[in-house]
N, C-alpha and C. Protein backbone atom coordinates (compact mmCIF):
# COMPACT_ATOMS: atom_id res chain seq x y z
N MET A 1 -58.90 -91.12 -11.07
CA MET A 1 -57.57 -90.98 -10.47
C MET A 1 -57.51 -89.69 -9.64
N CYS A 2 -57.07 -89.80 -8.42
CA CYS A 2 -57.04 -88.64 -7.54
C CYS A 2 -55.94 -87.68 -7.97
N PRO A 3 -56.19 -86.36 -7.86
CA PRO A 3 -55.15 -85.39 -8.21
C PRO A 3 -54.00 -85.46 -7.23
N VAL A 4 -52.80 -85.20 -7.72
CA VAL A 4 -51.61 -85.23 -6.89
C VAL A 4 -51.38 -83.85 -6.30
N ALA A 5 -51.26 -83.78 -4.98
CA ALA A 5 -51.03 -82.49 -4.32
C ALA A 5 -49.66 -81.95 -4.69
N PRO A 6 -49.55 -80.65 -4.92
CA PRO A 6 -48.25 -80.08 -5.27
C PRO A 6 -47.26 -80.21 -4.11
N ARG A 7 -45.99 -80.45 -4.44
CA ARG A 7 -44.96 -80.60 -3.42
C ARG A 7 -44.62 -79.24 -2.83
N VAL A 8 -44.54 -79.19 -1.51
CA VAL A 8 -44.17 -77.95 -0.84
C VAL A 8 -42.66 -77.82 -0.85
N VAL A 9 -42.17 -76.73 -1.41
CA VAL A 9 -40.74 -76.48 -1.49
C VAL A 9 -40.32 -75.59 -0.33
N LYS A 10 -39.34 -76.00 0.42
CA LYS A 10 -38.90 -75.26 1.60
C LYS A 10 -37.94 -74.13 1.21
N TYR A 11 -37.68 -73.27 2.20
CA TYR A 11 -36.95 -72.01 1.96
C TYR A 11 -35.63 -72.20 1.23
N ASP A 12 -34.74 -73.03 1.78
CA ASP A 12 -33.40 -73.15 1.21
C ASP A 12 -33.44 -73.70 -0.21
N GLU A 13 -34.31 -74.69 -0.44
CA GLU A 13 -34.45 -75.26 -1.78
C GLU A 13 -35.04 -74.24 -2.74
N PHE A 14 -36.02 -73.49 -2.25
CA PHE A 14 -36.69 -72.49 -3.08
C PHE A 14 -35.70 -71.43 -3.55
N MET A 15 -34.78 -71.06 -2.67
CA MET A 15 -33.78 -70.05 -3.00
C MET A 15 -32.88 -70.53 -4.15
N GLN A 16 -32.68 -71.86 -4.26
CA GLN A 16 -31.72 -72.40 -5.21
C GLN A 16 -32.33 -72.75 -6.56
N ILE A 17 -33.58 -73.21 -6.58
CA ILE A 17 -34.11 -73.80 -7.81
C ILE A 17 -34.97 -72.88 -8.64
N THR A 18 -35.36 -71.71 -8.13
CA THR A 18 -36.32 -70.91 -8.89
C THR A 18 -35.84 -69.49 -9.13
N ASN A 19 -36.18 -69.00 -10.32
CA ASN A 19 -36.01 -67.59 -10.64
C ASN A 19 -37.35 -66.99 -11.03
N ARG A 20 -38.44 -67.71 -10.71
CA ARG A 20 -39.76 -67.26 -11.09
C ARG A 20 -40.20 -66.09 -10.22
N GLY A 21 -41.19 -65.38 -10.74
CA GLY A 21 -41.88 -64.40 -9.94
C GLY A 21 -41.07 -63.19 -9.53
N GLN A 22 -40.07 -62.81 -10.32
CA GLN A 22 -39.24 -61.69 -9.91
C GLN A 22 -40.04 -60.39 -9.86
N ILE A 23 -40.99 -60.24 -10.80
CA ILE A 23 -41.84 -59.05 -10.79
C ILE A 23 -42.72 -59.05 -9.55
N GLU A 24 -43.30 -60.23 -9.25
CA GLU A 24 -44.15 -60.34 -8.06
C GLU A 24 -43.35 -60.06 -6.80
N ASP A 25 -42.11 -60.56 -6.77
CA ASP A 25 -41.24 -60.32 -5.62
C ASP A 25 -41.01 -58.83 -5.42
N TYR A 26 -40.75 -58.13 -6.54
CA TYR A 26 -40.48 -56.70 -6.46
C TYR A 26 -41.69 -55.96 -5.92
N ILE A 27 -42.88 -56.34 -6.38
CA ILE A 27 -44.11 -55.70 -5.91
C ILE A 27 -44.31 -55.93 -4.42
N MET A 28 -44.11 -57.18 -3.98
CA MET A 28 -44.29 -57.49 -2.56
C MET A 28 -43.24 -56.78 -1.71
N TYR A 29 -42.00 -56.70 -2.23
CA TYR A 29 -40.94 -56.01 -1.49
C TYR A 29 -41.27 -54.53 -1.36
N LYS A 30 -41.76 -53.93 -2.45
CA LYS A 30 -42.12 -52.52 -2.41
C LYS A 30 -43.24 -52.27 -1.41
N ALA A 31 -44.21 -53.21 -1.35
CA ALA A 31 -45.31 -53.06 -0.38
C ALA A 31 -44.78 -53.08 1.04
N PHE A 32 -43.79 -53.96 1.30
CA PHE A 32 -43.19 -54.04 2.63
C PHE A 32 -42.46 -52.74 2.98
N VAL A 33 -41.69 -52.22 2.01
CA VAL A 33 -40.94 -50.98 2.24
C VAL A 33 -41.88 -49.80 2.45
N ILE A 34 -42.93 -49.72 1.61
CA ILE A 34 -43.87 -48.61 1.71
C ILE A 34 -44.59 -48.62 3.05
N SER A 35 -45.00 -49.82 3.51
CA SER A 35 -45.70 -49.90 4.79
C SER A 35 -44.79 -49.49 5.94
N THR A 36 -43.48 -49.83 5.85
CA THR A 36 -42.53 -49.44 6.89
C THR A 36 -42.33 -47.93 6.90
N ILE A 37 -42.15 -47.34 5.71
CA ILE A 37 -41.99 -45.89 5.61
C ILE A 37 -43.23 -45.18 6.13
N ALA A 38 -44.41 -45.70 5.78
CA ALA A 38 -45.67 -45.10 6.23
C ALA A 38 -45.75 -45.08 7.75
N TYR A 39 -45.26 -46.16 8.38
CA TYR A 39 -45.26 -46.21 9.84
C TYR A 39 -44.43 -45.08 10.43
N TYR A 40 -43.20 -44.92 9.92
CA TYR A 40 -42.32 -43.88 10.46
C TYR A 40 -42.88 -42.49 10.20
N LEU A 41 -43.53 -42.28 9.05
CA LEU A 41 -44.14 -40.99 8.78
C LEU A 41 -45.28 -40.71 9.76
N LEU A 42 -46.06 -41.76 10.07
CA LEU A 42 -47.15 -41.59 11.02
C LEU A 42 -46.63 -41.18 12.39
N VAL A 43 -45.56 -41.85 12.83
CA VAL A 43 -44.98 -41.50 14.12
C VAL A 43 -44.43 -40.07 14.10
N ALA A 44 -43.81 -39.70 12.97
CA ALA A 44 -43.20 -38.38 12.87
C ALA A 44 -44.24 -37.27 12.98
N VAL A 45 -45.40 -37.44 12.33
CA VAL A 45 -46.41 -36.39 12.36
C VAL A 45 -47.10 -36.31 13.72
N GLN A 46 -46.89 -37.32 14.56
CA GLN A 46 -47.48 -37.28 15.89
C GLN A 46 -46.60 -36.50 16.87
N GLY A 47 -45.59 -35.83 16.33
CA GLY A 47 -44.80 -34.90 17.13
C GLY A 47 -43.97 -35.55 18.20
N ASP A 48 -44.35 -35.35 19.45
CA ASP A 48 -43.53 -35.79 20.57
C ASP A 48 -43.38 -37.30 20.66
N CYS A 49 -44.21 -38.03 19.95
CA CYS A 49 -44.07 -39.49 19.95
C CYS A 49 -42.72 -39.91 19.37
N SER A 50 -42.12 -39.07 18.56
CA SER A 50 -40.85 -39.41 17.93
C SER A 50 -39.64 -38.89 18.69
N SER A 51 -39.86 -38.17 19.79
CA SER A 51 -38.75 -37.64 20.58
C SER A 51 -38.05 -38.77 21.35
N ASP A 52 -36.77 -38.61 21.58
CA ASP A 52 -36.04 -39.58 22.37
C ASP A 52 -36.47 -39.49 23.84
N LYS A 53 -36.24 -40.56 24.56
CA LYS A 53 -36.54 -40.57 26.00
C LYS A 53 -35.70 -39.51 26.70
N ASP A 54 -36.34 -38.76 27.60
CA ASP A 54 -35.64 -37.73 28.36
C ASP A 54 -36.09 -37.83 29.81
N LYS A 55 -35.17 -38.25 30.69
CA LYS A 55 -35.52 -38.45 32.10
C LYS A 55 -35.65 -37.15 32.87
N GLY A 56 -35.26 -36.01 32.26
CA GLY A 56 -35.37 -34.73 32.94
C GLY A 56 -34.29 -34.54 33.98
N THR A 57 -34.56 -33.63 34.93
CA THR A 57 -33.59 -33.31 35.99
C THR A 57 -34.30 -33.27 37.35
N GLU A 58 -33.51 -33.13 38.40
CA GLU A 58 -34.05 -33.07 39.76
C GLU A 58 -34.01 -31.65 40.32
N THR A 59 -33.78 -30.66 39.49
CA THR A 59 -33.51 -29.30 39.98
C THR A 59 -34.71 -28.59 40.58
N CYS A 60 -35.94 -29.01 40.27
CA CYS A 60 -37.11 -28.26 40.74
C CYS A 60 -37.68 -28.79 42.05
N GLY A 61 -37.13 -29.86 42.55
CA GLY A 61 -37.59 -30.39 43.83
C GLY A 61 -38.78 -31.33 43.74
N SER A 62 -39.33 -31.59 42.55
CA SER A 62 -40.44 -32.53 42.40
C SER A 62 -39.95 -33.95 42.60
N THR A 63 -40.84 -34.83 43.02
CA THR A 63 -40.46 -36.21 43.29
C THR A 63 -40.36 -37.02 42.00
N GLN A 64 -39.56 -38.07 42.04
CA GLN A 64 -39.45 -38.97 40.91
C GLN A 64 -40.72 -39.79 40.75
N SER A 65 -40.96 -40.24 39.53
CA SER A 65 -42.13 -41.09 39.28
C SER A 65 -41.90 -41.93 38.03
N ILE A 66 -42.65 -43.02 37.93
CA ILE A 66 -42.58 -43.86 36.74
C ILE A 66 -43.43 -43.22 35.64
N ARG A 67 -42.83 -43.00 34.49
CA ARG A 67 -43.54 -42.47 33.33
C ARG A 67 -43.36 -43.45 32.16
N TRP A 68 -44.03 -43.12 31.06
CA TRP A 68 -43.97 -43.94 29.86
C TRP A 68 -43.57 -43.09 28.66
N TYR A 69 -42.82 -43.67 27.76
CA TYR A 69 -42.52 -42.99 26.50
C TYR A 69 -42.63 -43.99 25.37
N PHE A 70 -42.89 -43.50 24.15
CA PHE A 70 -43.01 -44.40 23.01
C PHE A 70 -41.65 -44.60 22.36
N ASN A 71 -41.20 -45.85 22.31
CA ASN A 71 -39.92 -46.22 21.72
C ASN A 71 -40.16 -46.62 20.26
N GLN A 72 -39.65 -45.80 19.33
CA GLN A 72 -39.90 -46.05 17.91
C GLN A 72 -39.28 -47.35 17.41
N LYS A 73 -38.11 -47.71 17.91
CA LYS A 73 -37.44 -48.92 17.45
C LYS A 73 -38.14 -50.18 17.96
N LYS A 74 -38.71 -50.10 19.14
CA LYS A 74 -39.37 -51.27 19.73
C LYS A 74 -40.87 -51.29 19.47
N PHE A 75 -41.39 -50.18 18.94
CA PHE A 75 -42.81 -50.08 18.59
C PHE A 75 -43.71 -50.33 19.80
N ARG A 76 -43.32 -49.83 20.94
CA ARG A 76 -44.13 -50.02 22.14
C ARG A 76 -43.80 -48.94 23.17
N CYS A 77 -44.69 -48.79 24.13
CA CYS A 77 -44.47 -47.84 25.22
C CYS A 77 -43.60 -48.48 26.28
N MET A 78 -42.56 -47.76 26.68
CA MET A 78 -41.61 -48.25 27.67
C MET A 78 -41.65 -47.38 28.92
N ALA A 79 -41.41 -48.01 30.05
CA ALA A 79 -41.38 -47.28 31.31
C ALA A 79 -39.99 -46.68 31.56
N PHE A 80 -39.96 -45.60 32.30
CA PHE A 80 -38.68 -45.03 32.76
C PHE A 80 -38.95 -44.19 33.99
N THR A 81 -37.92 -43.96 34.77
CA THR A 81 -38.05 -43.12 35.96
C THR A 81 -37.82 -41.67 35.56
N TYR A 82 -38.88 -40.87 35.69
CA TYR A 82 -38.79 -39.44 35.39
C TYR A 82 -38.30 -38.72 36.64
N LEU A 83 -37.28 -37.89 36.50
CA LEU A 83 -36.65 -37.27 37.66
C LEU A 83 -37.44 -36.10 38.24
N GLY A 84 -38.46 -35.65 37.51
CA GLY A 84 -39.36 -34.65 38.10
C GLY A 84 -39.45 -33.32 37.40
N CYS A 85 -38.42 -32.93 36.65
CA CYS A 85 -38.41 -31.61 36.02
C CYS A 85 -37.93 -31.71 34.57
N GLY A 86 -38.41 -30.80 33.72
CA GLY A 86 -37.93 -30.74 32.35
C GLY A 86 -38.35 -31.95 31.53
N GLY A 87 -37.48 -32.33 30.62
CA GLY A 87 -37.80 -33.44 29.74
C GLY A 87 -38.45 -32.96 28.46
N ASN A 88 -39.20 -33.83 27.79
CA ASN A 88 -39.90 -33.46 26.57
C ASN A 88 -41.32 -34.02 26.58
N GLY A 89 -42.00 -33.87 25.46
CA GLY A 89 -43.40 -34.26 25.39
C GLY A 89 -43.64 -35.75 25.28
N ASN A 90 -42.60 -36.53 24.95
CA ASN A 90 -42.75 -37.98 24.88
C ASN A 90 -42.60 -38.53 26.30
N ASN A 91 -43.56 -38.17 27.12
CA ASN A 91 -43.52 -38.43 28.57
C ASN A 91 -44.96 -38.48 29.05
N TYR A 92 -45.43 -39.69 29.36
CA TYR A 92 -46.85 -39.87 29.67
C TYR A 92 -47.03 -40.46 31.07
N ILE A 93 -48.01 -39.92 31.78
CA ILE A 93 -48.26 -40.37 33.15
C ILE A 93 -48.80 -41.79 33.17
N THR A 94 -49.59 -42.16 32.15
CA THR A 94 -50.15 -43.50 32.10
C THR A 94 -49.76 -44.21 30.81
N TYR A 95 -49.76 -45.52 30.87
CA TYR A 95 -49.47 -46.35 29.69
C TYR A 95 -50.51 -46.11 28.61
N ASP A 96 -51.77 -46.00 29.01
CA ASP A 96 -52.85 -45.83 28.02
C ASP A 96 -52.69 -44.54 27.23
N LYS A 97 -52.26 -43.46 27.90
CA LYS A 97 -52.05 -42.20 27.18
C LYS A 97 -50.88 -42.33 26.21
N CYS A 98 -49.86 -43.05 26.61
CA CYS A 98 -48.72 -43.29 25.73
C CYS A 98 -49.14 -44.07 24.50
N GLN A 99 -50.10 -44.96 24.65
CA GLN A 99 -50.54 -45.81 23.55
C GLN A 99 -51.14 -45.02 22.39
N THR A 100 -51.49 -43.75 22.60
CA THR A 100 -51.99 -42.94 21.50
C THR A 100 -50.91 -42.73 20.44
N CYS A 101 -49.65 -42.97 20.81
CA CYS A 101 -48.55 -42.85 19.85
C CYS A 101 -48.40 -44.10 18.99
N SER A 102 -49.00 -45.19 19.43
CA SER A 102 -48.78 -46.47 18.76
C SER A 102 -49.74 -46.65 17.60
N PRO A 103 -49.24 -46.90 16.38
CA PRO A 103 -50.12 -47.14 15.24
C PRO A 103 -50.86 -48.45 15.40
N ALA A 104 -51.98 -48.58 14.70
CA ALA A 104 -52.80 -49.78 14.82
C ALA A 104 -52.04 -51.02 14.35
N ASP A 105 -51.19 -50.87 13.35
CA ASP A 105 -50.46 -52.01 12.81
C ASP A 105 -48.99 -51.66 12.69
N GLY A 106 -48.15 -52.28 13.51
CA GLY A 106 -46.72 -52.04 13.47
C GLY A 106 -46.04 -52.90 12.43
N PRO A 107 -44.73 -53.03 12.50
CA PRO A 107 -43.98 -53.81 11.51
C PRO A 107 -44.22 -55.31 11.69
N THR A 108 -44.00 -56.06 10.62
CA THR A 108 -44.16 -57.51 10.69
C THR A 108 -43.21 -58.11 11.71
N CYS A 109 -41.94 -57.69 11.66
CA CYS A 109 -40.94 -58.16 12.63
C CYS A 109 -40.73 -57.08 13.68
N LEU A 110 -41.07 -57.37 14.93
CA LEU A 110 -40.79 -56.43 16.01
C LEU A 110 -39.28 -56.22 16.15
N SER A 111 -38.54 -57.23 15.76
CA SER A 111 -37.08 -57.20 15.92
C SER A 111 -36.35 -56.53 14.77
N ALA A 112 -37.08 -55.98 13.79
CA ALA A 112 -36.46 -55.51 12.55
C ALA A 112 -35.37 -54.46 12.78
N ALA A 113 -35.57 -53.57 13.76
CA ALA A 113 -34.59 -52.51 14.01
C ALA A 113 -33.30 -53.05 14.63
N PHE A 114 -33.35 -54.27 15.17
CA PHE A 114 -32.18 -54.85 15.84
C PHE A 114 -31.60 -56.03 15.07
N SER A 115 -32.43 -56.74 14.32
CA SER A 115 -31.99 -57.90 13.52
C SER A 115 -32.73 -57.89 12.20
N PRO A 116 -32.18 -57.26 11.16
CA PRO A 116 -32.88 -57.16 9.87
C PRO A 116 -33.26 -58.53 9.32
N PRO A 117 -34.43 -58.64 8.69
CA PRO A 117 -34.86 -59.91 8.10
C PRO A 117 -33.94 -60.34 6.96
N PRO A 118 -33.86 -61.64 6.67
CA PRO A 118 -33.05 -62.11 5.53
C PRO A 118 -33.75 -61.78 4.22
N PRO A 119 -33.05 -61.85 3.08
CA PRO A 119 -33.70 -61.59 1.79
C PRO A 119 -34.77 -62.64 1.50
N ARG A 120 -35.81 -62.23 0.81
CA ARG A 120 -36.86 -63.18 0.42
C ARG A 120 -36.36 -64.05 -0.72
N PRO A 121 -36.81 -65.32 -0.78
CA PRO A 121 -36.39 -66.19 -1.88
C PRO A 121 -36.99 -65.73 -3.20
N ALA A 122 -36.25 -65.95 -4.28
CA ALA A 122 -36.74 -65.59 -5.60
C ALA A 122 -38.03 -66.33 -5.91
N GLY A 123 -38.99 -65.61 -6.47
CA GLY A 123 -40.25 -66.24 -6.85
C GLY A 123 -41.27 -66.35 -5.76
N SER A 124 -40.94 -65.91 -4.55
CA SER A 124 -41.89 -66.07 -3.44
C SER A 124 -43.11 -65.19 -3.60
N GLY A 125 -43.00 -64.14 -4.43
CA GLY A 125 -44.15 -63.27 -4.65
C GLY A 125 -45.33 -64.00 -5.25
N SER A 126 -45.05 -65.08 -6.01
CA SER A 126 -46.13 -65.85 -6.63
C SER A 126 -46.92 -66.66 -5.62
N LEU A 127 -46.41 -66.75 -4.38
CA LEU A 127 -47.08 -67.53 -3.34
C LEU A 127 -48.04 -66.68 -2.52
N GLY A 128 -48.11 -65.39 -2.80
CA GLY A 128 -49.02 -64.53 -2.06
C GLY A 128 -48.35 -63.90 -0.85
N PRO A 129 -49.10 -63.07 -0.09
CA PRO A 129 -48.51 -62.31 1.01
C PRO A 129 -48.04 -63.17 2.18
N ARG A 130 -48.56 -64.38 2.30
CA ARG A 130 -48.16 -65.25 3.41
C ARG A 130 -47.14 -66.29 2.95
N TRP A 131 -46.20 -65.87 2.14
CA TRP A 131 -45.27 -66.77 1.46
C TRP A 131 -44.46 -67.65 2.40
N CYS A 132 -44.00 -67.11 3.53
CA CYS A 132 -43.09 -67.92 4.36
C CYS A 132 -43.81 -69.03 5.11
N LYS A 133 -45.13 -69.00 5.15
CA LYS A 133 -45.87 -70.13 5.72
C LYS A 133 -45.73 -71.35 4.82
N THR A 134 -45.44 -71.12 3.53
CA THR A 134 -45.29 -72.22 2.58
C THR A 134 -43.85 -72.69 2.48
N VAL A 135 -42.92 -71.75 2.30
CA VAL A 135 -41.52 -72.14 2.06
C VAL A 135 -40.68 -72.16 3.33
N GLY A 136 -41.21 -71.62 4.42
CA GLY A 136 -40.45 -71.61 5.66
C GLY A 136 -39.39 -70.52 5.69
N CYS A 137 -38.51 -70.58 6.68
CA CYS A 137 -37.47 -69.56 6.87
C CYS A 137 -36.13 -70.24 7.11
N PRO A 138 -35.04 -69.52 6.90
CA PRO A 138 -33.72 -70.11 7.18
C PRO A 138 -33.54 -70.35 8.68
N THR A 139 -32.55 -71.14 9.02
CA THR A 139 -32.27 -71.47 10.42
C THR A 139 -32.05 -70.20 11.24
N GLY A 140 -32.71 -70.13 12.39
CA GLY A 140 -32.58 -68.97 13.27
C GLY A 140 -33.65 -67.93 13.05
N TYR A 141 -34.57 -68.19 12.11
CA TYR A 141 -35.66 -67.25 11.81
C TYR A 141 -37.00 -67.96 11.89
N GLU A 142 -38.05 -67.20 12.14
CA GLU A 142 -39.40 -67.74 12.21
C GLU A 142 -40.35 -66.87 11.39
N CYS A 143 -41.39 -67.48 10.87
CA CYS A 143 -42.34 -66.76 10.02
C CYS A 143 -43.36 -66.02 10.88
N GLN A 144 -43.48 -64.72 10.64
CA GLN A 144 -44.45 -63.89 11.35
C GLN A 144 -45.37 -63.22 10.33
N ASN A 145 -46.64 -63.10 10.67
CA ASN A 145 -47.61 -62.45 9.80
C ASN A 145 -47.86 -61.02 10.24
N GLY A 146 -47.75 -60.09 9.29
CA GLY A 146 -48.08 -58.69 9.54
C GLY A 146 -49.40 -58.35 8.89
N GLY A 147 -49.73 -57.07 8.85
CA GLY A 147 -51.00 -56.66 8.28
C GLY A 147 -51.08 -56.87 6.78
N MET A 148 -49.93 -56.72 6.07
CA MET A 148 -49.94 -56.82 4.61
C MET A 148 -49.19 -58.04 4.08
N THR A 149 -48.22 -58.52 4.81
CA THR A 149 -47.38 -59.60 4.30
C THR A 149 -46.77 -60.37 5.46
N SER A 150 -46.16 -61.50 5.16
CA SER A 150 -45.41 -62.25 6.16
C SER A 150 -43.92 -61.99 5.96
N GLN A 151 -43.14 -62.33 6.99
CA GLN A 151 -41.71 -62.06 6.92
C GLN A 151 -40.97 -63.02 7.84
N CYS A 152 -39.76 -63.40 7.45
CA CYS A 152 -38.90 -64.21 8.32
C CYS A 152 -38.23 -63.28 9.32
N CYS A 153 -38.44 -63.53 10.61
CA CYS A 153 -37.92 -62.67 11.68
C CYS A 153 -36.93 -63.44 12.54
N ASN A 154 -35.95 -62.74 13.06
CA ASN A 154 -34.93 -63.36 13.91
C ASN A 154 -35.57 -63.95 15.16
N SER A 155 -35.44 -65.25 15.33
CA SER A 155 -36.12 -65.95 16.43
C SER A 155 -35.64 -65.48 17.80
N THR A 156 -34.33 -65.30 17.95
CA THR A 156 -33.79 -64.89 19.25
C THR A 156 -34.34 -63.54 19.69
N THR A 157 -34.29 -62.56 18.77
CA THR A 157 -34.75 -61.22 19.13
C THR A 157 -36.26 -61.18 19.30
N GLU A 158 -37.00 -61.93 18.49
CA GLU A 158 -38.46 -62.01 18.66
C GLU A 158 -38.79 -62.57 20.04
N ASN A 159 -38.01 -63.55 20.50
CA ASN A 159 -38.25 -64.13 21.82
C ASN A 159 -37.98 -63.12 22.93
N TRP A 160 -37.03 -62.20 22.70
CA TRP A 160 -36.78 -61.16 23.70
C TRP A 160 -38.03 -60.30 23.89
N PHE A 161 -38.73 -60.02 22.79
CA PHE A 161 -39.97 -59.24 22.88
C PHE A 161 -41.05 -60.04 23.61
N LYS A 162 -41.11 -61.34 23.36
CA LYS A 162 -42.09 -62.18 24.05
C LYS A 162 -41.80 -62.22 25.56
N GLU A 163 -40.52 -62.26 25.92
CA GLU A 163 -40.15 -62.24 27.33
C GLU A 163 -40.59 -60.92 27.99
N ALA A 164 -40.51 -59.83 27.23
CA ALA A 164 -40.94 -58.54 27.77
C ALA A 164 -42.45 -58.53 28.03
N GLU A 165 -43.21 -59.25 27.21
CA GLU A 165 -44.66 -59.30 27.37
C GLU A 165 -45.07 -60.20 28.53
N ASN A 166 -44.17 -61.09 28.95
CA ASN A 166 -44.48 -62.00 30.05
C ASN A 166 -44.56 -61.23 31.37
N PRO A 167 -45.68 -61.30 32.09
CA PRO A 167 -45.82 -60.54 33.33
C PRO A 167 -45.01 -61.11 34.50
N LYS A 168 -44.28 -62.18 34.27
CA LYS A 168 -43.51 -62.82 35.34
C LYS A 168 -42.03 -62.45 35.25
N CYS A 169 -41.38 -62.48 36.41
CA CYS A 169 -39.93 -62.33 36.46
C CYS A 169 -39.29 -63.71 36.30
N LYS A 170 -37.98 -63.76 36.28
CA LYS A 170 -37.29 -65.03 36.05
C LYS A 170 -37.53 -66.04 37.16
N ASP A 171 -37.81 -65.55 38.39
CA ASP A 171 -38.06 -66.47 39.50
C ASP A 171 -39.51 -66.89 39.60
N GLY A 172 -40.33 -66.46 38.65
CA GLY A 172 -41.74 -66.85 38.65
C GLY A 172 -42.66 -65.87 39.35
N GLN A 173 -42.09 -64.90 40.06
CA GLN A 173 -42.90 -63.89 40.74
C GLN A 173 -43.47 -62.91 39.71
N THR A 174 -44.61 -62.34 40.05
CA THR A 174 -45.23 -61.36 39.15
C THR A 174 -44.45 -60.05 39.19
N ALA A 175 -44.11 -59.54 38.02
CA ALA A 175 -43.38 -58.27 37.93
C ALA A 175 -44.28 -57.12 38.37
N LEU A 176 -43.66 -56.05 38.81
CA LEU A 176 -44.41 -54.88 39.27
C LEU A 176 -45.23 -54.28 38.13
N GLN A 177 -46.46 -53.89 38.45
CA GLN A 177 -47.34 -53.28 37.46
C GLN A 177 -47.74 -51.88 37.90
N LEU A 178 -48.17 -51.10 36.93
CA LEU A 178 -48.66 -49.75 37.18
C LEU A 178 -49.87 -49.54 36.29
N GLY A 179 -51.02 -49.31 36.91
CA GLY A 179 -52.24 -49.14 36.14
C GLY A 179 -52.64 -50.37 35.35
N GLY A 180 -52.28 -51.55 35.86
CA GLY A 180 -52.63 -52.80 35.19
C GLY A 180 -51.67 -53.21 34.09
N HIS A 181 -50.55 -52.50 33.94
CA HIS A 181 -49.57 -52.82 32.89
C HIS A 181 -48.20 -53.09 33.52
N THR A 182 -47.57 -54.16 33.08
CA THR A 182 -46.24 -54.50 33.60
C THR A 182 -45.25 -53.40 33.28
N ILE A 183 -44.47 -53.00 34.28
CA ILE A 183 -43.45 -51.96 34.09
C ILE A 183 -42.25 -52.59 33.39
N VAL A 184 -42.08 -52.25 32.13
CA VAL A 184 -40.97 -52.77 31.32
C VAL A 184 -40.17 -51.59 30.80
N ALA A 185 -38.88 -51.58 31.10
CA ALA A 185 -37.99 -50.49 30.68
C ALA A 185 -36.96 -51.00 29.69
N ASP A 186 -36.21 -50.08 29.11
CA ASP A 186 -35.15 -50.47 28.17
C ASP A 186 -33.99 -51.15 28.90
N SER A 187 -33.69 -50.66 30.10
CA SER A 187 -32.60 -51.23 30.88
C SER A 187 -32.77 -50.80 32.34
N CYS A 188 -32.01 -51.42 33.22
CA CYS A 188 -32.09 -51.07 34.64
C CYS A 188 -31.57 -49.66 34.91
N SER A 189 -30.77 -49.11 34.03
CA SER A 189 -30.28 -47.75 34.22
C SER A 189 -31.40 -46.72 34.03
N ASP A 190 -32.50 -47.15 33.44
CA ASP A 190 -33.65 -46.25 33.22
C ASP A 190 -34.70 -46.37 34.31
N LEU A 191 -34.50 -47.29 35.24
CA LEU A 191 -35.59 -47.65 36.15
C LEU A 191 -35.13 -47.67 37.60
N SER A 192 -35.80 -46.90 38.44
CA SER A 192 -35.57 -46.95 39.89
C SER A 192 -36.79 -47.63 40.50
N CYS A 193 -36.63 -48.87 40.88
CA CYS A 193 -37.77 -49.63 41.41
C CYS A 193 -38.08 -49.19 42.84
N PRO A 194 -39.35 -49.23 43.24
CA PRO A 194 -39.73 -48.81 44.60
C PRO A 194 -39.19 -49.76 45.66
N GLU A 195 -39.24 -49.32 46.88
CA GLU A 195 -38.75 -50.12 48.00
C GLU A 195 -39.43 -51.48 48.02
N GLY A 196 -38.65 -52.51 48.26
CA GLY A 196 -39.18 -53.87 48.28
C GLY A 196 -39.09 -54.56 46.93
N HIS A 197 -38.59 -53.86 45.92
CA HIS A 197 -38.43 -54.42 44.58
C HIS A 197 -37.01 -54.16 44.08
N TYR A 198 -36.60 -54.92 43.12
CA TYR A 198 -35.29 -54.72 42.49
C TYR A 198 -35.46 -54.79 40.98
N CYS A 199 -34.53 -54.22 40.26
CA CYS A 199 -34.60 -54.24 38.80
C CYS A 199 -33.89 -55.49 38.28
N GLU A 200 -34.58 -56.20 37.42
CA GLU A 200 -34.04 -57.41 36.81
C GLU A 200 -33.87 -57.19 35.31
N THR A 201 -32.70 -57.51 34.79
CA THR A 201 -32.47 -57.44 33.35
C THR A 201 -33.12 -58.66 32.71
N THR A 202 -34.18 -58.43 31.97
CA THR A 202 -34.92 -59.53 31.33
C THR A 202 -34.09 -60.15 30.22
N ASN A 203 -33.49 -59.31 29.38
CA ASN A 203 -32.62 -59.73 28.29
C ASN A 203 -31.88 -58.47 27.80
N GLN A 204 -31.30 -58.53 26.64
CA GLN A 204 -30.48 -57.42 26.15
C GLN A 204 -31.29 -56.17 25.81
N LEU A 205 -32.61 -56.30 25.70
CA LEU A 205 -33.43 -55.16 25.29
C LEU A 205 -34.41 -54.66 26.35
N PHE A 206 -34.62 -55.43 27.42
CA PHE A 206 -35.69 -55.09 28.36
C PHE A 206 -35.28 -55.35 29.81
N ALA A 207 -35.97 -54.65 30.73
CA ALA A 207 -35.76 -54.83 32.16
C ALA A 207 -37.10 -54.63 32.88
N LYS A 208 -37.25 -55.23 34.07
CA LYS A 208 -38.49 -55.15 34.85
C LYS A 208 -38.18 -54.94 36.32
N CYS A 209 -39.17 -54.44 37.06
CA CYS A 209 -39.09 -54.39 38.51
C CYS A 209 -39.68 -55.68 39.08
N CYS A 210 -38.90 -56.38 39.88
CA CYS A 210 -39.33 -57.67 40.43
C CYS A 210 -39.32 -57.63 41.97
């Protein structure tokens, strides 16, 4: 007689029918919290990587230019128009130099700072670190795998990050690049696009020169 495969229990049902694995859940939750704290500590010890964006001033007569800074909430290097004078150390001439601020493994949900993940279902710790691949996620969330565990992430906000990675503008034209990297800013107020280009708001979190 062939063995019967275990039934896969989905997220909503799992939340209702089980109280198993509470210890395992606590351990997995602690691992998620510790990894997040470790990330912020790493950024903090890197000094200027944790400074806020500073566009500087125009008082010294230097010309404006596109620079990069590391955005802690978005876990990526963002472009901005540097006015030429002052500012702070979180200001890099090239994208690659800015990338020295980026840890090898960021958070499971890129959207975590803008849309916190929902609570994990009770007993999911017994399913291992990739638990949401088995039980799924509530409506409006998608399962993402991080370095240590998986997590249900807000689908809308995750898609905003994917749109930022897309080298195309909304009309299908290729967005402006600098040093082989698409110029992506937090908003059009941070970006003065060169002649022949205009700033396009990609979504609520990103903008590009098109």
